[in-house]
Amino acid sequence: MLLSFADYQKMGGTLLEPDFEKLESDAEDVINPLINFFYLHKDIDTDMDKERVWLVQKAITLQIDFTSRLGSSTPDEMAKNDVKSVNVDGTSVSTGLSPLSFTQHGVYTVALDYLYQSGLLFRGVRHAETT
């Protein structure tokens, strides 16, 4: 788990604890592939780069709160709930922007901004990491 409930609350998270665990796990499921599973091999609690840790945990917090408001926490759930228009007996109703307009790869675009700042979304030549 990359984010404890206590850290989630410190980051400004708004959920109650019973709802947190599933949404945190789902947030990790969409964020981990983007950051190349960086914290699969490195303990987030011992990472010396505290700014990177804060940015990743803030991104997870934003993703959790976004999916909570949306009512969908996985990309397939988001796609199922992505109804922009309905047509019944000649009457059409359109909602304009859909929730998917605010995501890329199932990740809330604001959370992506934090991940970009962490440096974990950039790919290039690997370098030796200092510990």
N, C-alpha and C. Protein backbone atom coordinates (compact mmCIF):
# COMPACT_ATOMS: atom_id res chain seq x y z
N MET A 1 0.85 -1.17 0.00
CA MET A 1 0.00 0.00 0.00
C MET A 1 0.90 1.24 0.00
N LEU A 2 0.68 2.11 -0.96
CA LEU A 2 1.50 3.30 -1.10
C LEU A 2 1.01 4.47 -0.25
N LEU A 3 -0.22 4.37 0.23
CA LEU A 3 -0.80 5.48 0.97
C LEU A 3 -1.64 4.95 2.13
N SER A 4 -1.26 5.30 3.34
CA SER A 4 -2.05 4.90 4.51
C SER A 4 -3.24 5.83 4.64
N PHE A 5 -4.23 5.40 5.41
CA PHE A 5 -5.40 6.26 5.61
C PHE A 5 -5.00 7.55 6.32
N ALA A 6 -4.08 7.46 7.27
CA ALA A 6 -3.63 8.67 8.00
C ALA A 6 -2.96 9.65 7.04
N ASP A 7 -2.10 9.14 6.13
CA ASP A 7 -1.45 10.02 5.15
C ASP A 7 -2.48 10.59 4.17
N TYR A 8 -3.45 9.77 3.80
CA TYR A 8 -4.53 10.22 2.92
C TYR A 8 -5.25 11.42 3.53
N GLN A 9 -5.56 11.33 4.81
CA GLN A 9 -6.23 12.44 5.49
C GLN A 9 -5.33 13.68 5.53
N LYS A 10 -4.03 13.49 5.79
CA LYS A 10 -3.10 14.62 5.82
C LYS A 10 -3.01 15.30 4.46
N MET A 11 -3.20 14.53 3.39
CA MET A 11 -3.15 15.06 2.02
C MET A 11 -4.44 15.77 1.63
N GLY A 12 -5.42 15.76 2.53
CA GLY A 12 -6.69 16.43 2.24
C GLY A 12 -7.78 15.52 1.74
N GLY A 13 -7.58 14.21 1.83
CA GLY A 13 -8.59 13.25 1.39
C GLY A 13 -9.88 13.39 2.18
N THR A 14 -10.99 13.11 1.53
CA THR A 14 -12.30 13.38 2.13
C THR A 14 -13.11 12.14 2.47
N LEU A 15 -12.63 10.95 2.13
CA LEU A 15 -13.40 9.74 2.39
C LEU A 15 -13.30 9.28 3.83
N LEU A 16 -14.25 8.46 4.22
CA LEU A 16 -14.18 7.78 5.51
C LEU A 16 -13.41 6.48 5.32
N GLU A 17 -12.85 5.97 6.39
CA GLU A 17 -11.96 4.80 6.30
C GLU A 17 -12.59 3.57 5.65
N PRO A 18 -13.86 3.23 5.88
CA PRO A 18 -14.40 2.02 5.25
C PRO A 18 -14.35 2.05 3.71
N ASP A 19 -14.46 3.22 3.12
CA ASP A 19 -14.45 3.34 1.65
C ASP A 19 -13.04 3.46 1.09
N PHE A 20 -12.08 3.74 1.94
CA PHE A 20 -10.73 4.07 1.50
C PHE A 20 -9.97 2.90 0.88
N GLU A 21 -9.99 1.73 1.52
CA GLU A 21 -9.10 0.64 1.12
C GLU A 21 -9.29 0.19 -0.33
N LYS A 22 -10.53 -0.01 -0.77
CA LYS A 22 -10.78 -0.45 -2.15
C LYS A 22 -10.35 0.63 -3.14
N LEU A 23 -10.72 1.88 -2.86
CA LEU A 23 -10.38 2.95 -3.79
C LEU A 23 -8.88 3.19 -3.84
N GLU A 24 -8.19 3.01 -2.73
CA GLU A 24 -6.73 3.17 -2.72
C GLU A 24 -6.10 2.08 -3.58
N SER A 25 -6.57 0.86 -3.44
CA SER A 25 -6.06 -0.25 -4.23
C SER A 25 -6.32 -0.03 -5.72
N ASP A 26 -7.52 0.43 -6.06
CA ASP A 26 -7.85 0.71 -7.46
C ASP A 26 -7.01 1.86 -8.01
N ALA A 27 -6.74 2.87 -7.18
CA ALA A 27 -5.89 3.99 -7.61
C ALA A 27 -4.48 3.49 -7.90
N GLU A 28 -3.96 2.63 -7.05
CA GLU A 28 -2.63 2.05 -7.29
C GLU A 28 -2.62 1.24 -8.58
N ASP A 29 -3.71 0.52 -8.85
CA ASP A 29 -3.78 -0.32 -10.04
C ASP A 29 -3.66 0.48 -11.34
N VAL A 30 -4.14 1.72 -11.35
CA VAL A 30 -4.02 2.53 -12.57
C VAL A 30 -2.76 3.39 -12.58
N ILE A 31 -2.24 3.72 -11.40
CA ILE A 31 -1.05 4.58 -11.32
C ILE A 31 0.24 3.78 -11.44
N ASN A 32 0.31 2.60 -10.83
CA ASN A 32 1.54 1.81 -10.85
C ASN A 32 2.09 1.53 -12.25
N PRO A 33 1.26 1.12 -13.22
CA PRO A 33 1.82 0.91 -14.56
C PRO A 33 2.40 2.18 -15.18
N LEU A 34 1.82 3.32 -14.87
CA LEU A 34 2.31 4.58 -15.42
C LEU A 34 3.68 4.95 -14.85
N ILE A 35 3.90 4.63 -13.58
CA ILE A 35 5.19 4.97 -12.96
C ILE A 35 6.15 3.78 -13.00
N ASN A 36 5.86 2.86 -13.92
CA ASN A 36 6.73 1.71 -14.16
C ASN A 36 6.96 0.88 -12.89
N PHE A 37 5.91 0.79 -12.07
CA PHE A 37 5.95 0.01 -10.83
C PHE A 37 7.16 0.37 -9.97
N PHE A 38 7.48 1.65 -9.93
CA PHE A 38 8.66 2.15 -9.22
C PHE A 38 8.70 1.68 -7.77
N TYR A 39 7.56 1.75 -7.09
CA TYR A 39 7.54 1.39 -5.67
C TYR A 39 7.27 -0.09 -5.43
N LEU A 40 7.30 -0.88 -6.47
CA LEU A 40 7.24 -2.33 -6.29
C LEU A 40 8.59 -2.84 -5.79
N HIS A 41 9.66 -2.18 -6.22
CA HIS A 41 11.01 -2.59 -5.84
C HIS A 41 11.66 -1.64 -4.85
N LYS A 42 10.97 -0.60 -4.49
CA LYS A 42 11.52 0.40 -3.57
C LYS A 42 10.43 0.72 -2.54
N ASP A 43 10.78 0.72 -1.29
CA ASP A 43 9.82 1.02 -0.22
C ASP A 43 9.56 2.52 -0.18
N ILE A 44 8.32 2.89 -0.34
CA ILE A 44 7.97 4.31 -0.36
C ILE A 44 8.30 4.99 0.97
N ASP A 45 8.25 4.23 2.05
CA ASP A 45 8.53 4.80 3.37
C ASP A 45 10.01 5.09 3.60
N THR A 46 10.89 4.44 2.84
CA THR A 46 12.32 4.68 2.99
C THR A 46 12.91 5.46 1.82
N ASP A 47 12.06 5.89 0.89
CA ASP A 47 12.53 6.69 -0.24
C ASP A 47 13.06 8.03 0.28
N MET A 48 14.30 8.33 -0.03
CA MET A 48 14.93 9.57 0.46
C MET A 48 14.39 10.82 -0.24
N ASP A 49 13.80 10.65 -1.41
CA ASP A 49 13.26 11.78 -2.16
C ASP A 49 11.84 12.07 -1.65
N LYS A 50 11.76 12.87 -0.60
CA LYS A 50 10.47 13.15 0.06
C LYS A 50 9.51 13.91 -0.85
N GLU A 51 10.06 14.73 -1.75
CA GLU A 51 9.19 15.45 -2.68
C GLU A 51 8.50 14.47 -3.63
N ARG A 52 9.25 13.50 -4.14
CA ARG A 52 8.67 12.49 -5.03
C ARG A 52 7.60 11.69 -4.29
N VAL A 53 7.88 11.30 -3.06
CA VAL A 53 6.91 10.56 -2.25
C VAL A 53 5.64 11.39 -2.09
N TRP A 54 5.81 12.67 -1.73
CA TRP A 54 4.65 13.53 -1.53
C TRP A 54 3.83 13.66 -2.82
N LEU A 55 4.50 13.84 -3.95
CA LEU A 55 3.80 13.99 -5.23
C LEU A 55 3.03 12.73 -5.60
N VAL A 56 3.62 11.56 -5.40
CA VAL A 56 2.93 10.31 -5.72
C VAL A 56 1.75 10.10 -4.78
N GLN A 57 1.95 10.34 -3.49
CA GLN A 57 0.85 10.16 -2.54
C GLN A 57 -0.27 11.18 -2.78
N LYS A 58 0.08 12.39 -3.18
CA LYS A 58 -0.94 13.39 -3.50
C LYS A 58 -1.72 12.96 -4.74
N ALA A 59 -1.03 12.40 -5.74
CA ALA A 59 -1.69 11.91 -6.94
C ALA A 59 -2.68 10.79 -6.59
N ILE A 60 -2.27 9.89 -5.72
CA ILE A 60 -3.16 8.81 -5.30
C ILE A 60 -4.37 9.37 -4.55
N THR A 61 -4.14 10.35 -3.69
CA THR A 61 -5.24 11.00 -2.96
C THR A 61 -6.23 11.63 -3.94
N LEU A 62 -5.72 12.36 -4.92
CA LEU A 62 -6.59 13.00 -5.91
C LEU A 62 -7.37 11.96 -6.71
N GLN A 63 -6.71 10.86 -7.07
CA GLN A 63 -7.37 9.79 -7.82
C GLN A 63 -8.48 9.15 -6.99
N ILE A 64 -8.21 8.91 -5.72
CA ILE A 64 -9.22 8.32 -4.83
C ILE A 64 -10.44 9.23 -4.73
N ASP A 65 -10.22 10.51 -4.47
CA ASP A 65 -11.35 11.43 -4.32
C ASP A 65 -12.12 11.60 -5.62
N PHE A 66 -11.41 11.63 -6.76
CA PHE A 66 -12.07 11.75 -8.06
C PHE A 66 -12.96 10.55 -8.32
N THR A 67 -12.42 9.34 -8.12
CA THR A 67 -13.21 8.15 -8.39
C THR A 67 -14.36 7.99 -7.40
N SER A 68 -14.18 8.48 -6.19
CA SER A 68 -15.26 8.45 -5.21
C SER A 68 -16.42 9.34 -5.67
N ARG A 69 -16.09 10.55 -6.12
CA ARG A 69 -17.14 11.46 -6.62
C ARG A 69 -17.80 10.90 -7.87
N LEU A 70 -17.01 10.24 -8.69
CA LEU A 70 -17.50 9.68 -9.95
C LEU A 70 -18.37 8.45 -9.73
N GLY A 71 -18.07 7.71 -8.68
CA GLY A 71 -18.80 6.47 -8.43
C GLY A 71 -18.24 5.30 -9.22
N SER A 72 -17.08 5.49 -9.84
CA SER A 72 -16.41 4.45 -10.62
C SER A 72 -14.92 4.54 -10.33
N SER A 73 -14.31 3.42 -9.98
CA SER A 73 -12.90 3.49 -9.60
C SER A 73 -11.96 2.75 -10.54
N THR A 74 -12.51 2.11 -11.57
CA THR A 74 -11.66 1.42 -12.55
C THR A 74 -12.00 1.93 -13.94
N PRO A 75 -11.08 1.84 -14.89
CA PRO A 75 -11.36 2.33 -16.24
C PRO A 75 -12.59 1.69 -16.88
N ASP A 76 -12.82 0.39 -16.66
CA ASP A 76 -14.00 -0.23 -17.27
C ASP A 76 -15.29 0.27 -16.62
N GLU A 77 -15.29 0.54 -15.32
CA GLU A 77 -16.47 1.13 -14.68
C GLU A 77 -16.72 2.53 -15.21
N MET A 78 -15.64 3.30 -15.41
CA MET A 78 -15.78 4.65 -15.95
C MET A 78 -16.39 4.61 -17.34
N ALA A 79 -15.94 3.68 -18.16
CA ALA A 79 -16.47 3.56 -19.52
C ALA A 79 -17.95 3.20 -19.51
N LYS A 80 -18.35 2.31 -18.61
CA LYS A 80 -19.76 1.92 -18.51
C LYS A 80 -20.63 3.10 -18.09
N ASN A 81 -20.09 3.98 -17.26
CA ASN A 81 -20.86 5.13 -16.77
C ASN A 81 -20.71 6.36 -17.65
N ASP A 82 -20.04 6.23 -18.78
CA ASP A 82 -19.75 7.36 -19.66
C ASP A 82 -20.89 7.59 -20.66
N VAL A 83 -22.04 7.98 -20.16
CA VAL A 83 -23.18 8.27 -21.01
C VAL A 83 -23.27 9.77 -21.20
N LYS A 84 -23.12 10.22 -22.47
CA LYS A 84 -23.16 11.65 -22.76
C LYS A 84 -24.52 12.09 -23.29
N SER A 85 -25.25 11.17 -23.93
CA SER A 85 -26.55 11.56 -24.46
C SER A 85 -27.50 10.38 -24.44
N VAL A 86 -28.77 10.70 -24.29
CA VAL A 86 -29.83 9.71 -24.27
C VAL A 86 -30.92 10.20 -25.21
N ASN A 87 -31.48 9.29 -26.01
CA ASN A 87 -32.54 9.64 -26.93
C ASN A 87 -33.72 8.72 -26.67
N VAL A 88 -34.85 9.30 -26.24
CA VAL A 88 -36.06 8.54 -25.96
C VAL A 88 -37.22 9.18 -26.70
N ASP A 89 -37.87 8.43 -27.58
CA ASP A 89 -39.03 8.91 -28.33
C ASP A 89 -38.80 10.28 -28.97
N GLY A 90 -37.66 10.45 -29.57
CA GLY A 90 -37.37 11.70 -30.27
C GLY A 90 -36.86 12.82 -29.40
N THR A 91 -36.80 12.61 -28.08
CA THR A 91 -36.26 13.62 -27.18
C THR A 91 -34.83 13.24 -26.83
N SER A 92 -33.91 14.18 -27.05
CA SER A 92 -32.51 13.91 -26.81
C SER A 92 -31.99 14.78 -25.68
N VAL A 93 -31.22 14.19 -24.78
CA VAL A 93 -30.60 14.93 -23.68
C VAL A 93 -29.10 14.65 -23.74
N SER A 94 -28.31 15.73 -23.77
CA SER A 94 -26.85 15.60 -23.78
C SER A 94 -26.28 16.28 -22.56
N THR A 95 -25.23 15.67 -21.99
CA THR A 95 -24.64 16.23 -20.77
C THR A 95 -23.37 17.02 -21.03
N GLY A 96 -22.90 17.07 -22.26
CA GLY A 96 -21.66 17.80 -22.53
C GLY A 96 -20.45 16.95 -22.20
N LEU A 97 -19.62 17.43 -21.30
CA LEU A 97 -18.41 16.69 -20.92
C LEU A 97 -18.76 15.45 -20.12
N SER A 98 -18.03 14.40 -20.39
CA SER A 98 -18.23 13.17 -19.64
C SER A 98 -17.08 13.01 -18.64
N PRO A 99 -17.24 12.15 -17.66
CA PRO A 99 -16.15 11.92 -16.70
C PRO A 99 -14.85 11.50 -17.37
N LEU A 100 -14.95 10.77 -18.48
CA LEU A 100 -13.73 10.33 -19.17
C LEU A 100 -12.98 11.49 -19.80
N SER A 101 -13.64 12.64 -19.94
CA SER A 101 -12.96 13.82 -20.46
C SER A 101 -11.88 14.31 -19.50
N PHE A 102 -11.97 13.88 -18.26
CA PHE A 102 -11.03 14.33 -17.22
C PHE A 102 -10.01 13.25 -16.86
N THR A 103 -9.89 12.21 -17.69
CA THR A 103 -8.96 11.13 -17.40
C THR A 103 -8.10 10.79 -18.62
N GLN A 104 -6.95 10.22 -18.34
CA GLN A 104 -6.10 9.59 -19.36
C GLN A 104 -5.66 8.26 -18.77
N HIS A 105 -5.91 7.18 -19.51
CA HIS A 105 -5.57 5.84 -19.03
C HIS A 105 -6.27 5.53 -17.70
N GLY A 106 -7.43 6.13 -17.47
CA GLY A 106 -8.17 5.91 -16.24
C GLY A 106 -7.69 6.74 -15.07
N VAL A 107 -6.70 7.61 -15.29
CA VAL A 107 -6.14 8.43 -14.22
C VAL A 107 -6.62 9.87 -14.39
N TYR A 108 -7.11 10.43 -13.31
CA TYR A 108 -7.57 11.82 -13.26
C TYR A 108 -6.44 12.73 -13.74
N THR A 109 -6.74 13.66 -14.64
CA THR A 109 -5.69 14.49 -15.24
C THR A 109 -4.95 15.35 -14.21
N VAL A 110 -5.61 15.77 -13.15
CA VAL A 110 -4.92 16.55 -12.12
C VAL A 110 -3.91 15.66 -11.39
N ALA A 111 -4.29 14.41 -11.13
CA ALA A 111 -3.35 13.45 -10.52
C ALA A 111 -2.16 13.22 -11.45
N LEU A 112 -2.40 13.17 -12.75
CA LEU A 112 -1.31 13.01 -13.72
C LEU A 112 -0.33 14.17 -13.65
N ASP A 113 -0.84 15.38 -13.45
CA ASP A 113 0.04 16.54 -13.32
C ASP A 113 1.03 16.35 -12.16
N TYR A 114 0.54 15.82 -11.05
CA TYR A 114 1.42 15.55 -9.91
C TYR A 114 2.44 14.47 -10.25
N LEU A 115 2.00 13.43 -10.96
CA LEU A 115 2.92 12.36 -11.34
C LEU A 115 4.00 12.87 -12.30
N TYR A 116 3.63 13.77 -13.21
CA TYR A 116 4.63 14.35 -14.11
C TYR A 116 5.70 15.08 -13.30
N GLN A 117 5.27 15.83 -12.30
CA GLN A 117 6.22 16.58 -11.47
C GLN A 117 7.13 15.67 -10.67
N SER A 118 6.68 14.44 -10.40
CA SER A 118 7.51 13.50 -9.64
C SER A 118 8.68 12.99 -10.47
N GLY A 119 8.58 13.11 -11.78
CA GLY A 119 9.62 12.61 -12.67
C GLY A 119 9.45 11.15 -13.05
N LEU A 120 8.46 10.48 -12.48
CA LEU A 120 8.30 9.05 -12.71
C LEU A 120 7.61 8.71 -14.02
N LEU A 121 7.07 9.70 -14.71
CA LEU A 121 6.42 9.42 -15.99
C LEU A 121 7.37 9.58 -17.17
N PHE A 122 8.54 10.10 -16.91
CA PHE A 122 9.51 10.30 -17.98
C PHE A 122 10.31 9.03 -18.20
N ARG A 123 10.52 8.68 -19.45
CA ARG A 123 11.31 7.51 -19.79
C ARG A 123 12.58 8.00 -20.49
N GLY A 124 13.64 7.34 -20.25
CA GLY A 124 14.89 7.72 -20.88
C GLY A 124 15.97 6.76 -20.47
N VAL A 125 17.17 7.21 -20.50
CA VAL A 125 18.30 6.39 -20.13
C VAL A 125 18.30 6.20 -18.62
N ARG A 126 18.37 4.95 -18.19
CA ARG A 126 18.42 4.67 -16.76
C ARG A 126 19.76 5.14 -16.21
N HIS A 127 19.74 5.62 -15.00
CA HIS A 127 20.97 6.07 -14.35
C HIS A 127 21.08 5.40 -12.99
N ALA A 128 22.27 5.36 -12.47
CA ALA A 128 22.48 4.78 -11.14
C ALA A 128 21.83 5.69 -10.11
N GLU A 129 21.02 5.09 -9.27
CA GLU A 129 20.33 5.88 -8.24
C GLU A 129 21.16 5.88 -6.97
N THR A 130 21.28 7.03 -6.37
CA THR A 130 21.99 7.12 -5.10
C THR A 130 21.02 6.81 -3.98
N THR A 131 21.50 6.14 -2.97
CA THR A 131 20.61 5.78 -1.87
C THR A 131 20.89 6.60 -0.65
